[in-house]
């Protein structure tokens, strides 16, 4: 699995998605809200037509360079018009964030609680809408793969040859007793079991896309991303 390109190449602009932004002392200014949106390309993702991204999620992950600092301990606060709002970072430092036009107009600033001198990497996760049912069809499960490829191709211009071409979905489950996925096709049922980390990667199969068999999940994944394998 080629994890690095997923973190680094977002919508094929000249700059890289994964970058280091210097963090300052506790509750000190980190970066402007507008700059953060531009750095992560969230602004461009949400400017795409909804029909071009209705199966997609663009998640942002913050990773302290100092491994002794847990992502769960990091707090990012947006100060706008005298009001403070915390950004929705989860325990893994991941958040889903839709640009707020008012915060841009107000020249909002993001503050961090990281100690002075510490740095954090900011990267993108090319994610999919998470299935809400244990039963769905194959095309539904795989819809984000061609949609991400199409969106990247449109945004990339002459740089699109540098970018990954996704061909799989990567399901993340809670670490329970071997979550599974079944493909119920006319020629039989195939069962796939998640690994010890609760992860399962399923490569897109064009023949199955045409057949569009039923998919049965033993449990709902916590989240899903696209992958290149």
Protein backbone atom coordinates (compact mmCIF):
# COMPACT_ATOMS: atom_id res chain seq x y z
CA UNK A 1 0.00 0.00 0.00
CA UNK A 2 1.44 3.34 -1.05
CA UNK A 3 0.57 5.52 1.88
CA UNK A 4 2.88 8.47 1.25
CA UNK A 5 1.29 9.68 -2.03
CA UNK A 6 -2.10 9.71 -0.32
CA UNK A 7 -0.74 12.12 2.25
CA UNK A 8 1.27 14.24 -0.10
CA UNK A 9 -0.51 14.69 -3.42
CA UNK A 10 -3.82 16.48 -3.06
CA UNK A 11 -5.66 17.62 -6.18
CA UNK A 12 -2.31 18.05 -7.92
CA UNK A 13 -1.25 21.53 -7.20
CA UNK A 14 2.40 22.47 -7.32
CA UNK A 15 2.73 22.59 -3.53
CA UNK A 16 2.57 19.49 -1.38
CA UNK A 17 -0.29 18.77 0.98
CA UNK A 18 1.99 17.44 3.69
CA UNK A 19 3.94 20.31 5.16
CA UNK A 20 5.37 21.49 8.45
CA UNK A 21 3.94 24.62 10.03
CA UNK A 22 5.88 25.94 13.03
CA UNK A 23 3.90 25.71 16.24
CA UNK A 24 4.45 28.24 18.98
CA UNK A 25 3.92 28.46 22.71
CA UNK A 26 0.67 27.48 24.36
CA UNK A 27 -2.29 29.46 23.04
CA UNK A 28 -0.07 31.28 20.58
CA UNK A 29 -0.83 32.11 16.96
CA UNK A 30 -0.21 29.19 14.59
CA UNK A 31 -1.51 30.05 11.11
CA UNK A 32 -4.30 32.06 9.54
CA UNK A 33 -7.53 30.17 8.88
CA UNK A 34 -7.42 31.15 5.19
CA UNK A 35 -3.84 29.91 4.83
CA UNK A 36 -4.77 26.64 6.49
CA UNK A 37 -7.57 26.07 3.98
CA UNK A 38 -5.22 26.85 1.10
CA UNK A 39 -2.44 24.63 2.44
CA UNK A 40 -4.73 21.64 2.79
CA UNK A 41 -6.67 22.48 -0.43
CA UNK A 42 -9.95 22.25 1.44
CA UNK A 43 -10.97 25.45 -0.33
CA UNK A 44 -10.59 23.84 -3.76
CA UNK A 45 -12.24 20.58 -2.73
CA UNK A 46 -15.39 22.37 -1.55
CA UNK A 47 -15.44 24.62 -4.61
CA UNK A 48 -15.96 21.54 -6.78
CA UNK A 49 -19.58 20.89 -7.73
CA UNK A 50 -21.39 18.75 -5.10
CA UNK A 51 -22.18 16.17 -7.78
CA UNK A 52 -18.43 15.72 -8.32
CA UNK A 53 -17.77 14.88 -4.67
CA UNK A 54 -20.99 13.41 -3.32
CA UNK A 55 -19.22 10.11 -2.50
CA UNK A 56 -16.08 11.75 -1.14
CA UNK A 57 -14.70 13.11 2.09
CA UNK A 58 -11.48 15.06 2.43
CA UNK A 59 -10.11 14.55 5.92
CA UNK A 60 -7.20 16.46 7.41
CA UNK A 61 -4.73 14.87 9.81
CA UNK A 62 -2.45 16.74 12.18
CA UNK A 63 0.65 14.79 13.27
CA UNK A 64 3.11 16.23 15.83
CA UNK A 65 6.68 15.66 14.70
CA UNK A 66 7.62 14.96 18.32
CA UNK A 67 6.39 11.39 18.85
CA UNK A 68 6.11 12.04 22.58
CA UNK A 69 3.21 14.39 21.88
CA UNK A 70 -0.05 12.53 21.33
CA UNK A 71 -2.41 13.92 18.67
CA UNK A 72 -5.21 13.64 21.23
CA UNK A 73 -3.49 16.29 23.36
CA UNK A 74 -3.38 18.90 20.60
CA UNK A 75 -5.98 21.67 20.66
CA UNK A 76 -6.49 24.04 17.73
CA UNK A 77 -8.63 27.10 18.42
CA UNK A 78 -9.99 29.51 15.83
CA UNK A 79 -10.35 33.10 17.03
CA UNK A 80 -12.73 35.12 14.87
CA UNK A 81 -14.47 38.35 15.69
CA UNK A 82 -13.60 37.99 19.36
CA UNK A 83 -15.11 34.48 19.50
CA UNK A 84 -13.21 31.23 20.10
CA UNK A 85 -14.10 27.90 18.45
CA UNK A 86 -12.15 24.67 18.71
CA UNK A 87 -11.51 22.70 15.54
CA UNK A 88 -12.94 19.15 15.68
CA UNK A 89 -9.76 17.08 16.03
CA UNK A 90 -10.35 13.48 17.12
CA UNK A 91 -7.97 11.35 19.18
CA UNK A 92 -5.94 10.53 16.05
CA UNK A 93 -5.58 14.16 15.07
CA UNK A 94 -8.08 13.80 12.22
CA UNK A 95 -10.82 16.26 11.39
CA UNK A 96 -13.42 16.92 8.73
CA UNK A 97 -13.75 20.62 8.12
CA UNK A 98 -15.91 22.59 5.70
CA UNK A 99 -14.65 26.12 5.02
CA UNK A 100 -16.47 28.87 6.91
CA UNK A 101 -16.79 32.00 4.69
CA UNK A 102 -17.37 34.29 7.69
CA UNK A 103 -14.13 33.20 9.32
CA UNK A 104 -12.26 33.96 6.11
CA UNK A 105 -13.81 37.44 5.92
CA UNK A 106 -12.95 38.05 9.57
CA UNK A 107 -9.27 37.11 9.01
CA UNK A 108 -9.60 34.39 11.61
CA UNK A 109 -6.43 33.01 13.19
CA UNK A 110 -5.80 29.44 14.38
CA UNK A 111 -4.02 29.08 17.70
CA UNK A 112 -2.29 25.96 19.00
CA UNK A 113 -1.50 24.66 22.47
CA UNK A 114 1.72 22.96 21.33
CA UNK A 115 4.89 24.04 23.16
CA UNK A 116 7.20 26.56 21.55
CA UNK A 117 9.52 25.01 18.99
CA UNK A 118 7.32 21.99 18.29
CA UNK A 119 6.10 21.37 14.75
CA UNK A 120 3.18 19.47 13.27
CA UNK A 121 2.68 17.90 9.88
CA UNK A 122 -0.64 18.56 8.15
CA UNK A 123 -1.76 15.95 5.64
CA UNK A 124 -4.79 14.94 3.60
CA UNK A 125 -6.68 11.66 3.71
CA UNK A 126 -8.65 10.84 0.55
CA UNK A 127 -11.72 9.34 2.17
CA UNK A 128 -15.10 7.98 1.11
CA UNK A 129 -18.58 8.30 2.48
CA UNK A 130 -18.94 5.63 5.15
CA UNK A 131 -21.63 3.00 4.42
CA UNK A 132 -24.65 3.49 6.67
CA UNK A 133 -26.04 0.01 6.09
CA UNK A 134 -24.63 -3.49 6.44
CA UNK A 135 -26.10 -4.30 3.01
CA UNK A 136 -25.23 -2.36 -0.11
CA UNK A 137 -24.21 -3.08 -3.67
CA UNK A 138 -20.69 -3.27 -5.06
CA UNK A 139 -20.98 -0.08 -7.12
CA UNK A 140 -22.03 1.88 -4.03
CA UNK A 141 -19.03 0.65 -2.07
CA UNK A 142 -16.61 1.46 -4.88
CA UNK A 143 -18.18 4.74 -6.09
CA UNK A 144 -15.53 6.92 -4.45
CA UNK A 145 -12.65 5.34 -6.42
CA UNK A 146 -13.59 6.60 -9.91
CA UNK A 147 -14.96 9.84 -8.44
CA UNK A 148 -11.70 10.70 -6.70
CA UNK A 149 -9.76 9.86 -9.87
CA UNK A 150 -12.03 12.10 -11.94
CA UNK A 151 -11.82 15.01 -9.50
CA UNK A 152 -8.03 14.80 -9.28
CA UNK A 153 -7.74 14.61 -13.08
CA UNK A 154 -9.87 17.73 -13.45
CA UNK A 155 -7.97 19.70 -10.82
CA UNK A 156 -4.50 18.49 -11.71
CA UNK A 157 -4.03 19.87 -15.19
CA UNK A 158 -0.59 19.06 -16.59
CA UNK A 159 0.55 17.63 -13.25
CA UNK A 160 -1.94 14.76 -13.22
CA UNK A 161 0.69 12.25 -14.36
CA UNK A 162 2.43 12.77 -10.99
CA UNK A 163 -0.57 11.72 -8.93
CA UNK A 164 -1.78 8.36 -7.69
CA UNK A 165 -4.53 6.57 -9.56
CA UNK A 166 -6.76 4.97 -6.96
CA UNK A 167 -7.96 1.43 -7.49
CA UNK A 168 -9.17 0.20 -4.09
CA UNK A 169 -11.12 1.03 -0.97
CA UNK A 170 -9.52 0.73 2.44
CA UNK A 171 -12.03 -0.01 5.19
CA UNK A 172 -11.17 0.72 8.81
CA UNK A 173 -13.15 -1.16 11.45
CA UNK A 174 -13.11 -1.05 15.22
CA UNK A 175 -10.74 -3.71 16.51
CA UNK A 176 -13.39 -6.32 17.19
CA UNK A 177 -13.45 -10.05 16.46
CA UNK A 178 -12.41 -10.15 12.79
CA UNK A 179 -14.86 -7.93 10.90
CA UNK A 180 -15.70 -9.35 7.48
CA UNK A 181 -17.04 -8.36 4.08
CA UNK A 182 -18.86 -10.71 1.71
CA UNK A 183 -19.42 -10.28 -2.01
CA UNK A 184 -22.53 -12.27 -2.97
CA UNK A 185 -22.18 -12.83 -6.72
CA UNK A 186 -23.89 -15.21 -9.15
CA UNK A 187 -20.82 -17.44 -9.24
CA UNK A 188 -20.61 -17.70 -5.47
CA UNK A 189 -19.85 -15.79 -2.30
CA UNK A 190 -16.38 -14.53 -1.45
CA UNK A 191 -15.51 -13.55 2.10
CA UNK A 192 -12.78 -11.10 3.10
CA UNK A 193 -11.57 -10.79 6.71
CA UNK A 194 -10.07 -7.67 8.24
CA UNK A 195 -6.55 -7.93 9.66
CA UNK A 196 -5.55 -7.63 13.31
CA UNK A 197 -5.69 -3.82 13.02
CA UNK A 198 -9.29 -3.94 11.84
CA UNK A 199 -8.30 -2.95 8.29
CA UNK A 200 -9.49 -4.46 5.02
CA UNK A 201 -8.43 -3.41 1.51
CA UNK A 202 -10.60 -4.38 -1.45
CA UNK A 203 -9.35 -3.76 -4.97
CA UNK A 204 -11.80 -2.51 -7.56
CA UNK A 205 -12.83 -5.17 -10.08
CA UNK A 206 -14.32 -3.88 -13.34
CA UNK A 207 -16.26 -7.11 -13.97
CA UNK A 208 -17.85 -6.85 -10.53
CA UNK A 209 -18.68 -3.19 -11.17
CA UNK A 210 -20.74 -4.33 -14.17
CA UNK A 211 -22.32 -7.26 -12.31
CA UNK A 212 -22.90 -5.08 -9.23
CA UNK A 213 -23.39 -7.89 -6.69
CA UNK A 214 -24.58 -7.43 -3.13
CA UNK A 215 -22.12 -6.59 -0.36
CA UNK A 216 -22.69 -7.82 3.19
CA UNK A 217 -20.76 -6.29 6.08
CA UNK A 218 -20.50 -7.94 9.48
CA UNK A 219 -20.38 -4.45 11.01
CA UNK A 220 -20.14 -0.85 9.88
CA UNK A 221 -16.63 0.46 9.28
CA UNK A 222 -15.60 3.47 11.33
CA UNK A 223 -14.34 5.15 8.17
CA UNK A 224 -13.27 4.38 4.60
CA UNK A 225 -10.55 5.79 2.35
CA UNK A 226 -9.44 5.15 -1.21
CA UNK A 227 -6.11 3.53 -1.87
CA UNK A 228 -3.56 2.69 -4.56
CA UNK A 229 -2.31 -0.90 -4.49
